[in-house]
Amino acid sequence: MPSTAIEWAHWKNNVLSVKYRDGDAYDYLGVPESVYDDYRAAGSKGQFINFVVKPNYPHQKRDPKRAH
């Protein structure tokens, strides 16, 4: 289901990269593939990021124009 908050999200090598519709983009570090699988299955992608990913994994802002 498309998200109203998230434009795209990709996972590779334990890094979950997320670009928000407001233009900001972040890499969340140390995210296991099982958490990404749970994200993909979540009914609300934004709530999953807010309640599961943000509080548990360090992040760094990324250039939103960088290829995903």
C-alpha atoms as a PDB file:
ATOM      1  CA  MET A   1       0.000   0.000   0.000  1.00  0.00           C
ATOM      2  CA  PRO A   2       1.409   3.444  -0.882  1.00  0.00           C
ATOM      3  CA  SER A   3       2.377   5.734   1.964  1.00  0.00           C
ATOM      4  CA  THR A   4       1.263   9.317   2.388  1.00  0.00           C
ATOM      5  CA  ALA A   5       4.507  10.101   4.271  1.00  0.00           C
ATOM      6  CA  ILE A   6       7.158   8.025   2.484  1.00  0.00           C
ATOM      7  CA  GLU A   7       8.095   8.371  -1.173  1.00  0.00           C
ATOM      8  CA  TRP A   8      10.392   5.340  -1.238  1.00  0.00           C
ATOM      9  CA  ALA A   9      12.331   3.017   1.049  1.00  0.00           C
ATOM     10  CA  HIS A  10      15.071   0.540   0.195  1.00  0.00           C
ATOM     11  CA  TRP A  11      17.126  -1.859   2.270  1.00  0.00           C
ATOM     12  CA  LYS A  12      20.652  -3.077   1.541  1.00  0.00           C
ATOM     13  CA  ASN A  13      23.437  -4.329   3.815  1.00  0.00           C
ATOM     14  CA  ASN A  14      21.528  -3.492   7.016  1.00  0.00           C
ATOM     15  CA  VAL A  15      20.866   0.090   5.913  1.00  0.00           C
ATOM     16  CA  LEU A  16      17.267   1.189   5.467  1.00  0.00           C
ATOM     17  CA  SER A  17      17.201   4.252   3.219  1.00  0.00           C
ATOM     18  CA  VAL A  18      14.012   6.294   3.326  1.00  0.00           C
ATOM     19  CA  LYS A  19      12.936   9.350   1.347  1.00  0.00           C
ATOM     20  CA  TYR A  20      10.008  11.223   2.817  1.00  0.00           C
ATOM     21  CA  ARG A  21       7.476  13.072   0.693  1.00  0.00           C
ATOM     22  CA  ASP A  22       8.522  16.344   2.355  1.00  0.00           C
ATOM     23  CA  GLY A  23      11.907  15.953   0.635  1.00  0.00           C
ATOM     24  CA  ASP A  24      14.076  14.756   3.545  1.00  0.00           C
ATOM     25  CA  ALA A  25      15.950  11.463   3.213  1.00  0.00           C
ATOM     26  CA  TYR A  26      17.691   9.345   5.861  1.00  0.00           C
ATOM     27  CA  ASP A  27      19.738   6.185   6.189  1.00  0.00           C
ATOM     28  CA  TYR A  28      18.840   4.100   9.256  1.00  0.00           C
ATOM     29  CA  LEU A  29      21.832   1.989  10.232  1.00  0.00           C
ATOM     30  CA  GLY A  30      21.936  -1.580  11.536  1.00  0.00           C
ATOM     31  CA  VAL A  31      18.399  -2.454  10.433  1.00  0.00           C
ATOM     32  CA  PRO A  32      18.096  -6.228   9.983  1.00  0.00           C
ATOM     33  CA  GLU A  33      16.338  -7.610   6.947  1.00  0.00           C
ATOM     34  CA  SER A  34      13.558  -8.994   9.165  1.00  0.00           C
ATOM     35  CA  VAL A  35      12.677  -5.431  10.262  1.00  0.00           C
ATOM     36  CA  TYR A  36      12.599  -4.341   6.614  1.00  0.00           C
ATOM     37  CA  ASP A  37      10.274  -7.255   5.870  1.00  0.00           C
ATOM     38  CA  ASP A  38       8.017  -6.114   8.728  1.00  0.00           C
ATOM     39  CA  TYR A  39       8.113  -2.557   7.344  1.00  0.00           C
ATOM     40  CA  ARG A  40       7.019  -3.801   3.929  1.00  0.00           C
ATOM     41  CA  ALA A  41       4.101  -5.680   5.497  1.00  0.00           C
ATOM     42  CA  ALA A  42       3.023  -2.786   7.746  1.00  0.00           C
ATOM     43  CA  GLY A  43      -0.348  -1.181   7.108  1.00  0.00           C
ATOM     44  CA  SER A  44       1.082   2.252   7.926  1.00  0.00           C
ATOM     45  CA  LYS A  45       4.648   2.712   6.710  1.00  0.00           C
ATOM     46  CA  GLY A  46       5.014   6.089   8.446  1.00  0.00           C
ATOM     47  CA  GLN A  47       3.881   4.747  11.813  1.00  0.00           C
ATOM     48  CA  PHE A  48       6.221   1.777  11.480  1.00  0.00           C
ATOM     49  CA  ILE A  49       9.169   4.104  10.847  1.00  0.00           C
ATOM     50  CA  ASN A  50       8.137   6.384  13.743  1.00  0.00           C
ATOM     51  CA  PHE A  51       7.548   3.666  16.332  1.00  0.00           C
ATOM     52  CA  VAL A  52       9.934   0.862  15.331  1.00  0.00           C
ATOM     53  CA  VAL A  53      12.807   2.250  13.278  1.00  0.00           C
ATOM     54  CA  LYS A  54      13.470   5.794  14.542  1.00  0.00           C
ATOM     55  CA  PRO A  55      13.686   4.919  18.257  1.00  0.00           C
ATOM     56  CA  ASN A  56      15.849   1.825  17.749  1.00  0.00           C
ATOM     57  CA  TYR A  57      18.357   2.555  14.975  1.00  0.00           C
ATOM     58  CA  PRO A  58      20.842   5.399  14.502  1.00  0.00           C
ATOM     59  CA  HIS A  59      20.332   7.504  11.421  1.00  0.00           C
ATOM     60  CA  GLN A  60      22.079   9.997   9.217  1.00  0.00           C
ATOM     61  CA  LYS A  61      20.581  12.496   6.818  1.00  0.00           C
ATOM     62  CA  ARG A  62      21.349  11.840   3.173  1.00  0.00           C
ATOM     63  CA  ASP A  63      21.177  13.824  -0.019  1.00  0.00           C
ATOM     64  CA  PRO A  64      17.607  13.174  -1.248  1.00  0.00           C
ATOM     65  CA  LYS A  65      18.780  13.549  -4.852  1.00  0.00           C
ATOM     66  CA  ARG A  66      21.206  10.655  -4.508  1.00  0.00           C
ATOM     67  CA  ALA A  67      20.081   7.628  -6.477  1.00  0.00           C
ATOM     68  CA  HIS A  68      18.271   5.015  -4.442  1.00  0.00           C
END
